[in-house]
Amino acid sequence: MKLSNPPQAKAIWLFVTILFIAFLFVPLGKMLALSLNTSDGFGLDNYTSIVSSNDFQQVMINSFVVATVSALSATMLAFILAYTVHWTNLPKSFKKVIKIAALFPMLLPTVTYGFAIIYTFGKQGLLTQILGFQLFENIYGFQGMWLGYTIYTLPIAFLLLNNTFQYLDKKFVIVSELMGDSHLRQFDMTVIRPLIGTFAAAMIQCFFLAFTDFGIPASIGGEYKVIAIELYTQILGASPSFEKGAVVALFMLIPSVLSIGLLWYVARFNIRYNTVESIDLPTSKVKDRALAILSSTILFCLLTVFAVIFIIPWIKTWPYQMQFSTETVSKVLASTNLMRVYQNSLIVAVLTAVFGTLITYFSALLCERSGLFKIGKFSIESSALVTNTVPGMVVGIAYLMVFSGSAVANTIFIIVISNIIHYFATPYLMSKNALSKMNLGWETTASLLGDSWVKSLIRIVIPNSLFTLIEVASFYFISAMVTISAVIFISGAKTMVLTTKIVELQHFARFDEIFILSLMILITNICALLLFAIIRHLYSKRLYGTTKVKDETLVVPTTA
């Protein structure tokens, strides 16, 4: 079916193209050029200097080791949780708790994880005092980072595995039993093999996130240096060098390039079923109880790490004066400076959610609901792919190099743009997948009735994808509240947000205030999720209360 190509679509494409050229490709190009800039002109001296350094070689090894180990542990724990949700006959309420608790860490910035781990497992930590001994010999360095990265990446691995589990056909379990397969072979044939592609995708994604994260090593890295800290040191250290910093930033792209190739390769292992039947699995009380205990233990340990965030702010002086006190909380809430920082975070999150949703949604519209020329669609798809593989720290460094001293430097505008560009890929795919499920004949029918492309969008397409718009806005809002990797380089004194303020407070060892700011982020994100849920519920009630859904006259897509 031929889709229309109105002037408005070309105008939107032009705007999106200019946006990506100005705020993605030009900064990356500037960073590449800067990495080749030497005292003698252009050359590879900066690369030679960095690569030949024994310190940098050790940094790369450290980064690969801790990211790999963390990805393995996070994927394994996420698999246990997803398996419990989909492959047991436990109560639905218990499974719902697993889904919510597994995603809890996503509501907090990663820099908070490190401080929470210190106050939980350190020499004076909460768990150390309860047990009477220290679980980890040295929480700073590899052990602390491994624990932090595992907590950080577990929700991502769980989301991927949980989604794939929904499409596994359980009837093959019955077939396997009838065939007389052993429990181990049955487990391998019905669960492991169909999930090989997702396992690989989860591990690659977890590795990539751990390899490029700045928050956790900044708070708990100690002497165990990783590439994110090396990049920060090269740019904002005692003897900064933009040229060498650009080289380190480009080295952070190595996992991105490798991940694209690996994901393409493991895609061949995906198994597709002609139909997926929803059946009840054979009851096994022993297995169900064992998995219930195991999943409860995982989630208990996960949430215990964050318990100190709710306790420390109400203690007078941890761990010396353990009396209940509201002094610290009152002091923070009365501070006009900290409240201004919180206001900045809210403004950034709201603007990112609003404009990010509009840009990603209309970009997806151009690719799925318009007759835009192929090169135009290809440019948008390519831009989305690039944003998905560029770490936040690289975006921040590139912006610092290009926009430093310009009119947009140290403004809310540049922070919002960096968030939109950095997180563009996921909301874009969410919108694209939803729009692709709608009947392409809607716009054609509307045009025959005299409606323009814009009117058909307003009357038909947008109302039927409102749930997706809510999900995209929610994603952008929460991401903007917890992000740190890019904003650490581009926020100034007047545009400081909560996550960058936390890093500043770290240098003064004001951990009680850090936990209060973390609570503010957490509570804000929870309130935002509740608000989005209420909007979704009200729209759903209005939709189904006044409209009779029949065939494809009204389709409300869900995000994929």
Protein backbone atom coordinates (compact mmCIF):
# COMPACT_ATOMS: atom_id res chain seq x y z
CA MET A 1 0.00 0.00 0.00
CA LYS A 2 1.44 3.37 -1.00
CA LEU A 3 1.84 5.82 1.85
CA SER A 4 1.55 9.57 1.43
CA ASN A 5 4.56 11.86 1.49
CA PRO A 6 3.19 15.28 2.54
CA PRO A 7 5.33 18.42 2.91
CA GLN A 8 5.04 18.16 6.70
CA ALA A 9 6.88 14.82 6.63
CA LYS A 10 9.77 16.35 4.70
CA ALA A 11 9.90 19.27 7.13
CA ILE A 12 10.03 16.90 10.11
CA TRP A 13 12.76 14.86 8.43
CA LEU A 14 14.80 18.00 7.78
CA PHE A 15 14.49 19.07 11.41
CA VAL A 16 15.51 15.62 12.73
CA THR A 17 18.41 15.43 10.27
CA ILE A 18 19.76 18.85 11.29
CA LEU A 19 19.37 17.85 14.94
CA PHE A 20 21.46 14.69 14.52
CA ILE A 21 24.08 16.36 12.36
CA ALA A 22 24.53 19.24 14.83
CA PHE A 23 24.34 17.27 18.07
CA LEU A 24 25.67 13.81 17.18
CA PHE A 25 27.77 13.54 14.03
CA VAL A 26 29.54 16.91 14.23
CA PRO A 27 30.57 16.37 17.89
CA LEU A 28 31.77 12.82 17.13
CA GLY A 29 33.65 14.09 14.08
CA LYS A 30 35.23 16.85 16.15
CA MET A 31 36.33 14.31 18.73
CA LEU A 32 37.87 12.09 16.04
CA ALA A 33 39.73 15.06 14.54
CA LEU A 34 40.92 16.15 17.96
CA SER A 35 42.28 12.66 18.69
CA LEU A 36 44.49 13.02 15.57
CA ASN A 37 45.68 16.49 16.50
CA THR A 38 49.37 16.54 17.48
CA SER A 39 52.06 19.17 17.93
CA ASP A 40 53.25 18.42 14.38
CA GLY A 41 49.81 18.56 12.80
CA PHE A 42 47.74 15.43 12.26
CA GLY A 43 49.00 11.98 13.19
CA LEU A 44 48.63 8.91 15.37
CA ASP A 45 51.01 10.06 18.12
CA ASN A 46 48.20 10.34 20.68
CA TYR A 47 47.04 6.80 19.94
CA THR A 48 50.61 5.47 20.15
CA SER A 49 51.18 7.26 23.45
CA ILE A 50 47.98 5.92 25.00
CA VAL A 51 48.19 2.33 23.69
CA SER A 52 51.86 1.90 24.60
CA SER A 53 51.20 2.98 28.18
CA ASN A 54 51.28 0.05 30.63
CA ASP A 55 48.76 1.85 32.83
CA PHE A 56 46.24 2.13 30.00
CA GLN A 57 46.71 -1.52 29.05
CA GLN A 58 45.97 -2.49 32.65
CA VAL A 59 42.95 -0.18 32.67
CA MET A 60 41.54 -1.93 29.58
CA ILE A 61 42.15 -5.36 31.10
CA ASN A 62 40.47 -4.30 34.36
CA SER A 63 37.49 -2.92 32.46
CA PHE A 64 37.01 -6.06 30.37
CA VAL A 65 37.40 -8.40 33.36
CA VAL A 66 35.02 -6.69 35.77
CA ALA A 67 32.44 -6.02 33.01
CA THR A 68 32.55 -9.66 31.84
CA VAL A 69 32.21 -11.13 35.34
CA SER A 70 29.39 -8.71 36.18
CA ALA A 71 27.53 -9.50 32.94
CA LEU A 72 27.74 -13.24 33.67
CA SER A 73 26.46 -12.91 37.24
CA ALA A 74 23.69 -10.45 36.32
CA THR A 75 22.44 -12.64 33.46
CA MET A 76 22.45 -15.75 35.63
CA LEU A 77 20.50 -14.08 38.46
CA ALA A 78 18.08 -12.50 35.98
CA PHE A 79 17.47 -15.90 34.41
CA ILE A 80 16.54 -17.40 37.78
CA LEU A 81 14.04 -14.58 38.39
CA ALA A 82 12.53 -14.78 34.87
CA TYR A 83 12.36 -18.59 35.08
CA THR A 84 10.51 -18.31 38.39
CA VAL A 85 8.01 -15.88 36.89
CA HIS A 86 7.22 -17.94 33.77
CA TRP A 87 8.08 -21.55 34.51
CA THR A 88 6.48 -22.15 37.93
CA ASN A 89 2.96 -22.36 39.33
CA LEU A 90 3.61 -19.87 42.12
CA PRO A 91 0.93 -17.24 42.98
CA LYS A 92 0.58 -14.38 40.52
CA SER A 93 1.00 -11.83 43.31
CA PHE A 94 4.42 -13.29 44.15
CA LYS A 95 5.46 -13.13 40.50
CA LYS A 96 4.32 -9.52 40.31
CA VAL A 97 6.52 -8.67 43.30
CA ILE A 98 9.49 -10.25 41.50
CA LYS A 99 8.87 -8.12 38.41
CA ILE A 100 8.65 -4.90 40.41
CA ALA A 101 11.56 -5.60 42.76
CA ALA A 102 13.87 -6.70 39.93
CA LEU A 103 13.45 -3.31 38.24
CA PHE A 104 13.86 -1.23 41.42
CA PRO A 105 17.56 -0.33 40.85
CA MET A 106 16.65 1.44 37.61
CA LEU A 107 15.03 4.21 39.67
CA LEU A 108 18.34 5.28 41.23
CA PRO A 109 21.55 6.69 39.73
CA THR A 110 24.48 4.28 39.58
CA VAL A 111 26.69 6.56 41.67
CA THR A 112 24.34 5.86 44.59
CA TYR A 113 24.97 2.10 44.32
CA GLY A 114 28.58 2.49 45.38
CA PHE A 115 27.78 4.55 48.46
CA ALA A 116 24.99 2.14 49.41
CA ILE A 117 27.42 -0.80 49.10
CA ILE A 118 29.97 0.98 51.30
CA TYR A 119 27.39 1.68 54.02
CA THR A 120 26.10 -1.88 53.82
CA PHE A 121 29.25 -4.02 53.52
CA GLY A 122 32.00 -1.65 54.73
CA LYS A 123 33.77 -1.94 58.09
CA GLN A 124 31.10 0.22 59.72
CA GLY A 125 28.34 -0.91 57.37
CA LEU A 126 24.82 -1.87 58.37
CA LEU A 127 25.15 -5.57 57.48
CA THR A 128 28.64 -5.76 59.00
CA GLN A 129 27.30 -4.50 62.31
CA ILE A 130 24.36 -6.92 62.22
CA LEU A 131 26.50 -9.97 61.36
CA GLY A 132 29.50 -8.99 63.45
CA PHE A 133 31.95 -9.58 60.59
CA GLN A 134 32.69 -8.16 57.13
CA LEU A 135 31.45 -10.22 54.17
CA PHE A 136 33.89 -8.64 51.73
CA GLU A 137 37.53 -8.27 52.71
CA ASN A 138 37.89 -5.06 50.71
CA ILE A 139 34.72 -3.51 49.37
CA TYR A 140 36.68 -0.93 47.36
CA GLY A 141 37.94 -2.07 44.00
CA PHE A 142 37.01 -5.18 42.05
CA GLN A 143 34.64 -6.76 44.59
CA GLY A 144 32.62 -3.59 45.14
CA MET A 145 32.47 -2.79 41.42
CA TRP A 146 31.45 -6.35 40.55
CA LEU A 147 28.62 -6.15 43.09
CA GLY A 148 27.58 -2.69 41.88
CA TYR A 149 27.66 -3.61 38.20
CA THR A 150 25.68 -6.78 38.87
CA ILE A 151 22.95 -4.78 40.62
CA TYR A 152 23.04 -2.14 37.88
CA THR A 153 22.73 -4.52 34.93
CA LEU A 154 20.42 -7.15 36.47
CA PRO A 155 17.21 -5.20 35.62
CA ILE A 156 18.27 -4.93 31.95
CA ALA A 157 19.01 -8.66 31.72
CA PHE A 158 15.71 -9.43 33.45
CA LEU A 159 13.74 -7.26 31.02
CA LEU A 160 15.25 -9.04 28.02
CA LEU A 161 14.82 -12.56 29.41
CA ASN A 162 11.38 -11.87 30.84
CA ASN A 163 10.20 -10.61 27.45
CA THR A 164 11.52 -13.67 25.58
CA PHE A 165 10.09 -16.11 28.12
CA GLN A 166 6.62 -14.87 27.17
CA TYR A 167 7.11 -16.32 23.68
CA LEU A 168 8.40 -19.77 24.67
CA ASP A 169 5.91 -22.54 23.90
CA LYS A 170 5.30 -24.54 27.08
CA LYS A 171 3.64 -27.42 25.30
CA PHE A 172 7.10 -28.73 24.43
CA VAL A 173 7.59 -29.48 28.12
CA ILE A 174 4.68 -31.92 27.88
CA VAL A 175 6.08 -33.36 24.66
CA SER A 176 9.49 -33.80 26.27
CA GLU A 177 7.98 -35.66 29.22
CA LEU A 178 6.02 -37.95 26.91
CA MET A 179 9.24 -38.68 25.03
CA GLY A 180 10.84 -39.82 28.30
CA ASP A 181 13.55 -37.13 28.38
CA SER A 182 15.50 -36.64 31.56
CA HIS A 183 14.94 -33.43 33.55
CA LEU A 184 18.29 -32.07 32.41
CA ARG A 185 17.60 -32.76 28.71
CA GLN A 186 14.08 -31.37 29.05
CA PHE A 187 15.47 -28.19 30.60
CA ASP A 188 18.05 -27.88 27.83
CA MET A 189 15.65 -28.47 24.93
CA THR A 190 12.66 -26.42 26.13
CA VAL A 191 14.35 -23.50 27.90
CA ILE A 192 18.09 -23.12 27.34
CA ARG A 193 18.31 -23.61 23.57
CA PRO A 194 15.39 -21.30 22.71
CA LEU A 195 16.97 -18.64 24.95
CA ILE A 196 20.54 -18.80 23.59
CA GLY A 197 20.09 -15.67 21.48
CA THR A 198 18.57 -13.73 24.38
CA PHE A 199 21.27 -14.97 26.76
CA ALA A 200 23.89 -13.58 24.41
CA ALA A 201 22.01 -10.31 23.93
CA ALA A 202 21.58 -9.88 27.71
CA MET A 203 25.25 -10.57 28.40
CA ILE A 204 26.41 -8.21 25.66
CA GLN A 205 24.11 -5.45 26.84
CA CYS A 206 25.15 -5.92 30.48
CA PHE A 207 28.82 -5.93 29.49
CA PHE A 208 28.40 -2.75 27.46
CA LEU A 209 26.62 -0.95 30.32
CA ALA A 210 29.22 -2.02 32.88
CA PHE A 211 32.16 -1.22 30.62
CA THR A 212 30.99 2.35 30.01
CA ASP A 213 29.49 3.24 33.42
CA PHE A 214 31.06 6.07 35.39
CA GLY A 215 28.92 6.26 38.55
CA ILE A 216 29.92 3.00 40.23
CA PRO A 217 33.72 3.22 39.77
CA ALA A 218 33.57 6.90 40.77
CA SER A 219 32.12 5.98 44.15
CA ILE A 220 33.69 2.61 44.93
CA GLY A 221 36.42 1.93 42.37
CA GLY A 222 39.33 2.64 44.70
CA GLU A 223 42.68 1.70 43.15
CA TYR A 224 41.01 -0.58 40.57
CA LYS A 225 41.11 1.77 37.58
CA VAL A 226 38.72 1.30 34.66
CA ILE A 227 38.35 3.14 31.36
CA ALA A 228 35.50 5.41 32.54
CA ILE A 229 37.71 6.81 35.30
CA GLU A 230 40.65 7.09 32.88
CA LEU A 231 38.50 9.16 30.53
CA TYR A 232 37.33 11.42 33.37
CA THR A 233 40.94 11.90 34.52
CA GLN A 234 42.18 12.76 31.02
CA ILE A 235 39.51 15.46 30.61
CA LEU A 236 38.98 16.87 34.11
CA GLY A 237 42.07 15.63 35.94
CA ALA A 238 45.10 17.50 37.28
CA SER A 239 46.69 17.75 33.80
CA PRO A 240 43.78 17.57 31.33
CA SER A 241 44.33 16.75 27.67
CA PHE A 242 41.44 16.91 25.24
CA GLU A 243 43.46 15.12 22.58
CA LYS A 244 44.27 12.09 24.75
CA GLY A 245 40.79 12.21 26.24
CA ALA A 246 39.36 11.92 22.73
CA VAL A 247 41.53 8.84 22.13
CA VAL A 248 40.29 7.19 25.34
CA ALA A 249 36.69 8.07 24.42
CA LEU A 250 37.10 6.38 21.04
CA PHE A 251 38.45 3.27 22.76
CA MET A 252 35.18 3.14 24.71
CA LEU A 253 33.45 2.53 21.38
CA ILE A 254 35.23 -0.82 20.90
CA PRO A 255 32.57 -2.86 22.79
CA SER A 256 29.88 -1.06 20.78
CA VAL A 257 31.34 -2.19 17.46
CA LEU A 258 31.92 -5.73 18.75
CA SER A 259 28.41 -5.95 20.22
CA ILE A 260 26.78 -5.15 16.86
CA GLY A 261 28.67 -8.02 15.20
CA LEU A 262 28.00 -10.45 18.04
CA LEU A 263 24.29 -9.65 18.17
CA TRP A 264 24.04 -10.17 14.42
CA TYR A 265 25.79 -13.53 14.79
CA VAL A 266 23.72 -14.87 17.71
CA ALA A 267 20.47 -13.86 15.96
CA ARG A 268 20.77 -17.10 13.96
CA PHE A 269 20.19 -19.06 17.17
CA ASN A 270 16.74 -17.55 17.75
CA ILE A 271 13.94 -20.09 17.56
CA ARG A 272 10.55 -19.07 16.18
CA TYR A 273 7.33 -20.98 16.85
CA ASN A 274 4.43 -21.06 14.42
CA THR A 275 2.06 -20.71 17.35
CA VAL A 276 2.52 -20.27 21.09
CA GLU A 277 -0.04 -22.01 23.28
CA SER A 278 -0.73 -20.85 26.80
CA ILE A 279 -0.85 -23.94 29.00
CA ASP A 280 -0.23 -24.74 32.65
CA LEU A 281 3.01 -26.52 33.40
CA PRO A 282 3.02 -29.83 35.32
CA THR A 283 2.95 -29.11 39.05
CA SER A 284 6.22 -29.61 40.91
CA LYS A 285 5.96 -28.33 44.46
CA VAL A 286 9.61 -29.07 45.23
CA LYS A 287 10.85 -27.07 42.24
CA ASP A 288 8.40 -24.22 42.87
CA ARG A 289 9.36 -23.91 46.53
CA ALA A 290 13.07 -24.07 45.77
CA LEU A 291 12.78 -21.35 43.13
CA ALA A 292 10.58 -19.26 45.41
CA ILE A 293 13.23 -19.39 48.13
CA LEU A 294 16.04 -18.72 45.68
CA SER A 295 14.27 -15.77 44.02
CA SER A 296 13.29 -14.34 47.41
CA THR A 297 16.90 -14.58 48.54
CA ILE A 298 18.15 -12.79 45.40
CA LEU A 299 15.63 -9.97 45.76
CA PHE A 300 16.21 -9.71 49.52
CA CYS A 301 19.95 -9.31 48.97
CA LEU A 302 19.29 -6.84 46.15
CA LEU A 303 16.97 -4.64 48.19
CA THR A 304 19.05 -4.96 51.39
CA VAL A 305 21.85 -3.06 49.68
CA PHE A 306 19.53 -0.07 49.29
CA ALA A 307 18.10 -0.24 52.82
CA VAL A 308 20.73 2.19 54.09
CA ILE A 309 19.36 4.90 51.81
CA PHE A 310 16.19 4.92 53.92
CA ILE A 311 18.03 4.63 57.27
CA ILE A 312 21.17 6.82 57.19
CA PRO A 313 19.39 10.19 56.63
CA TRP A 314 17.48 9.70 59.90
CA ILE A 315 20.54 8.83 62.03
CA LYS A 316 22.33 11.69 63.78
CA THR A 317 25.90 10.56 63.01
CA TRP A 318 26.46 7.10 61.54
CA PRO A 319 27.80 4.91 63.16
CA TYR A 320 28.81 6.90 66.27
CA GLN A 321 25.58 8.59 67.31
CA MET A 322 22.81 6.18 66.38
CA GLN A 323 19.93 8.28 67.69
CA PHE A 324 16.97 9.11 65.47
CA SER A 325 17.23 12.66 64.14
CA THR A 326 15.55 14.82 61.52
CA GLU A 327 18.34 17.39 61.61
CA THR A 328 20.08 16.33 58.38
CA VAL A 329 16.85 16.00 56.40
CA SER A 330 15.60 19.37 57.62
CA LYS A 331 18.94 20.98 56.77
CA VAL A 332 18.90 19.63 53.22
CA LEU A 333 15.28 20.56 52.58
CA ALA A 334 15.94 24.07 53.91
CA SER A 335 18.94 24.56 51.64
CA THR A 336 18.01 26.85 48.74
CA ASN A 337 21.05 25.64 46.79
CA LEU A 338 20.10 21.95 46.95
CA MET A 339 16.47 22.70 46.19
CA ARG A 340 17.57 24.71 43.15
CA VAL A 341 19.54 21.67 41.99
CA TYR A 342 16.44 19.52 42.48
CA GLN A 343 14.42 22.03 40.49
CA ASN A 344 16.99 21.81 37.68
CA SER A 345 16.64 18.02 37.66
CA LEU A 346 12.86 18.25 37.42
CA ILE A 347 13.03 20.80 34.60
CA VAL A 348 15.55 18.69 32.69
CA ALA A 349 13.51 15.49 33.18
CA VAL A 350 10.21 17.10 32.12
CA LEU A 351 11.71 18.81 29.06
CA THR A 352 13.53 15.61 28.07
CA ALA A 353 10.30 13.63 28.41
CA VAL A 354 8.24 16.12 26.38
CA PHE A 355 10.62 16.94 23.55
CA GLY A 356 12.27 13.51 23.52
CA THR A 357 8.89 11.86 23.09
CA LEU A 358 7.92 14.22 20.27
CA ILE A 359 11.21 13.80 18.38
CA THR A 360 11.40 10.01 18.67
CA TYR A 361 7.70 9.51 17.92
CA PHE A 362 7.70 11.69 14.79
CA SER A 363 10.94 10.07 13.66
CA ALA A 364 9.24 6.69 13.93
CA LEU A 365 6.19 8.09 12.11
CA LEU A 366 8.36 9.06 9.16
CA CYS A 367 9.70 5.52 8.86
CA GLU A 368 6.46 3.62 9.44
CA ARG A 369 3.54 5.87 8.46
CA SER A 370 4.80 8.02 5.56
CA GLY A 371 6.09 7.64 2.03
CA LEU A 372 9.35 9.42 2.81
CA PHE A 373 12.15 8.64 0.36
CA LYS A 374 14.34 5.63 1.23
CA ILE A 375 17.48 7.64 1.95
CA GLY A 376 15.53 9.74 4.45
CA LYS A 377 14.31 6.66 6.31
CA PHE A 378 17.76 5.11 6.16
CA SER A 379 19.29 8.25 7.73
CA ILE A 380 16.92 8.03 10.69
CA GLU A 381 17.51 4.30 11.16
CA SER A 382 21.28 4.82 10.98
CA SER A 383 21.17 7.64 13.50
CA ALA A 384 19.21 5.45 15.91
CA LEU A 385 21.80 2.69 15.53
CA VAL A 386 24.64 5.12 16.25
CA THR A 387 22.98 6.51 19.39
CA ASN A 388 22.48 2.96 20.63
CA THR A 389 26.21 2.26 20.46
CA VAL A 390 27.71 5.54 21.73
CA PRO A 391 28.25 5.61 25.52
CA GLY A 392 26.95 8.56 27.49
CA MET A 393 30.44 9.61 28.55
CA VAL A 394 31.49 9.85 24.89
CA VAL A 395 28.47 12.06 24.17
CA GLY A 396 29.37 14.27 27.13
CA ILE A 397 33.02 14.57 26.09
CA ALA A 398 32.08 15.34 22.48
CA TYR A 399 29.70 18.10 23.62
CA LEU A 400 32.33 19.54 25.94
CA MET A 401 34.81 19.72 23.06
CA VAL A 402 32.37 21.28 20.57
CA PHE A 403 30.12 23.56 22.62
CA SER A 404 32.54 24.79 25.30
CA GLY A 405 32.46 28.60 25.23
CA SER A 406 29.39 28.75 22.98
CA ALA A 407 26.00 30.24 23.81
CA VAL A 408 24.54 26.82 24.71
CA ALA A 409 27.37 25.81 27.06
CA ASN A 410 26.32 25.27 30.69
CA THR A 411 22.62 25.55 29.82
CA ILE A 412 19.59 23.38 30.47
CA PHE A 413 19.16 23.18 26.70
CA ILE A 414 22.40 21.26 26.08
CA ILE A 415 21.65 18.82 28.91
CA VAL A 416 18.19 18.11 27.52
CA ILE A 417 19.57 17.63 23.99
CA SER A 418 22.29 15.25 25.26
CA ASN A 419 19.64 13.16 27.07
CA ILE A 420 17.41 13.01 23.98
CA ILE A 421 20.29 11.98 21.71
CA HIS A 422 21.87 9.56 24.19
CA TYR A 423 18.63 7.65 24.91
CA PHE A 424 17.06 8.02 21.44
CA ALA A 425 17.38 4.38 20.28
CA THR A 426 15.13 2.63 22.82
CA PRO A 427 12.13 5.06 22.66
CA TYR A 428 12.48 5.13 18.88
CA LEU A 429 12.23 1.34 18.66
CA MET A 430 9.30 1.36 21.08
CA SER A 431 7.43 3.86 18.90
CA LYS A 432 8.45 2.18 15.64
CA ASN A 433 7.30 -1.26 16.79
CA ALA A 434 3.95 0.11 17.96
CA LEU A 435 3.29 2.08 14.77
CA SER A 436 4.23 -0.89 12.58
CA LYS A 437 1.42 -2.95 14.14
CA MET A 438 -1.30 -0.52 13.04
CA ASN A 439 -3.38 -0.94 9.90
CA LEU A 440 -1.73 0.97 7.04
CA GLY A 441 -5.13 1.55 5.47
CA TRP A 442 -6.19 4.06 8.12
CA GLU A 443 -4.45 7.04 6.54
CA THR A 444 -5.61 5.99 3.06
CA THR A 445 -9.22 5.79 4.24
CA ALA A 446 -8.88 9.14 6.00
CA SER A 447 -7.47 10.79 2.86
CA LEU A 448 -10.39 9.46 0.80
CA LEU A 449 -12.70 11.12 3.31
CA GLY A 450 -10.89 14.41 2.83
CA ASP A 451 -8.56 14.37 5.85
CA SER A 452 -4.99 15.55 5.45
CA TRP A 453 -2.00 13.52 6.72
CA VAL A 454 -1.80 15.72 9.81
CA LYS A 455 -5.52 15.35 10.54
CA SER A 456 -5.36 11.56 10.19
CA LEU A 457 -2.47 11.52 12.66
CA ILE A 458 -4.35 13.64 15.18
CA ARG A 459 -7.66 11.79 14.81
CA ILE A 460 -6.49 8.18 14.35
CA VAL A 461 -2.79 7.34 14.69
CA ILE A 462 -1.82 9.34 17.78
CA PRO A 463 -4.90 8.33 19.87
CA ASN A 464 -4.19 4.69 19.05
CA SER A 465 -0.56 4.98 20.11
CA LEU A 466 -1.08 7.06 23.23
CA PHE A 467 -0.08 4.16 25.48
CA THR A 468 3.25 4.00 23.68
CA LEU A 469 3.71 7.76 24.05
CA ILE A 470 3.17 7.38 27.79
CA GLU A 471 5.76 4.59 27.97
CA VAL A 472 8.27 6.65 25.97
CA ALA A 473 7.75 9.72 28.15
CA SER A 474 8.17 7.57 31.26
CA PHE A 475 11.41 6.11 29.93
CA TYR A 476 12.83 9.54 29.07
CA PHE A 477 11.83 11.08 32.41
CA ILE A 478 13.41 8.36 34.56
CA SER A 479 16.53 8.19 32.40
CA ALA A 480 16.99 11.96 32.68
CA MET A 481 16.62 11.81 36.48
CA VAL A 482 19.25 9.10 37.00
CA THR A 483 21.78 9.80 34.22
CA ILE A 484 25.26 10.97 35.15
CA SER A 485 27.73 9.86 32.46
CA ALA A 486 27.07 12.69 29.98
CA VAL A 487 25.88 15.50 32.27
CA ILE A 488 28.99 15.28 34.47
CA PHE A 489 30.91 17.02 31.65
CA ILE A 490 28.34 19.55 30.41
CA SER A 491 26.54 20.85 33.51
CA GLY A 492 27.75 24.04 35.17
CA ALA A 493 27.27 25.65 38.56
CA LYS A 494 23.88 27.07 37.59
CA THR A 495 22.68 23.98 35.70
CA MET A 496 23.85 21.34 38.17
CA VAL A 497 21.42 18.42 38.58
CA LEU A 498 21.02 15.96 41.45
CA THR A 499 23.36 13.31 40.06
CA THR A 500 26.22 15.77 39.52
CA LYS A 501 25.57 17.26 42.96
CA ILE A 502 25.97 13.77 44.43
CA VAL A 503 29.41 13.49 42.82
CA GLU A 504 30.33 16.89 44.26
CA LEU A 505 29.17 15.91 47.77
CA GLN A 506 31.32 12.78 47.53
CA HIS A 507 34.48 14.91 47.62
CA PHE A 508 33.35 16.36 50.95
CA ALA A 509 32.30 12.93 52.35
CA ARG A 510 28.75 14.20 53.00
CA PHE A 511 27.17 10.80 52.52
CA ASP A 512 24.06 11.51 54.58
CA GLU A 513 23.17 14.31 52.15
CA ILE A 514 23.99 12.01 49.22
CA PHE A 515 21.40 9.51 50.44
CA ILE A 516 18.82 12.26 50.88
CA LEU A 517 19.34 13.38 47.28
CA SER A 518 19.12 9.75 46.19
CA LEU A 519 15.82 9.44 48.05
CA MET A 520 14.57 12.57 46.29
CA ILE A 521 15.41 10.98 42.93
CA LEU A 522 13.76 7.70 43.93
CA ILE A 523 10.58 9.32 45.25
CA THR A 524 10.36 11.58 42.19
CA ASN A 525 10.66 8.61 39.84
CA ILE A 526 8.06 6.61 41.78
CA CYS A 527 5.66 9.58 41.70
CA ALA A 528 6.27 9.97 37.97
CA LEU A 529 5.56 6.29 37.36
CA LEU A 530 2.34 6.56 39.37
CA LEU A 531 1.32 9.67 37.42
CA PHE A 532 1.98 7.94 34.09
CA ALA A 533 0.05 4.88 35.33
CA ILE A 534 -2.93 7.05 36.31
CA ILE A 535 -2.92 8.77 32.91
CA ARG A 536 -2.76 5.40 31.20
CA HIS A 537 -5.61 4.04 33.35
CA LEU A 538 -7.83 7.09 32.78
CA TYR A 539 -7.25 6.95 29.03
CA SER A 540 -7.91 3.22 28.97
CA LYS A 541 -11.14 3.69 30.95
CA ARG A 542 -12.27 6.50 28.67
CA LEU A 543 -11.33 4.48 25.59
CA TYR A 544 -13.06 1.25 26.46
CA GLY A 545 -15.89 2.97 28.29
CA THR A 546 -17.01 4.93 25.23
CA THR A 547 -15.71 2.95 22.27
CA LYS A 548 -16.62 -0.54 21.24
CA VAL A 549 -13.49 -2.35 20.10
CA LYS A 550 -14.22 -4.49 17.10
CA ASP A 551 -11.80 -6.08 14.66
CA GLU A 552 -9.29 -3.41 13.61
CA THR A 553 -11.49 -0.35 13.92
CA LEU A 554 -9.46 0.59 17.00
CA VAL A 555 -6.08 -0.85 17.88
CA VAL A 556 -4.15 0.09 21.01
CA PRO A 557 -0.63 -1.26 20.59
CA THR A 558 1.70 -2.27 23.37
CA THR A 559 5.37 -1.49 23.35
CA ALA A 560 7.79 -4.22 22.40
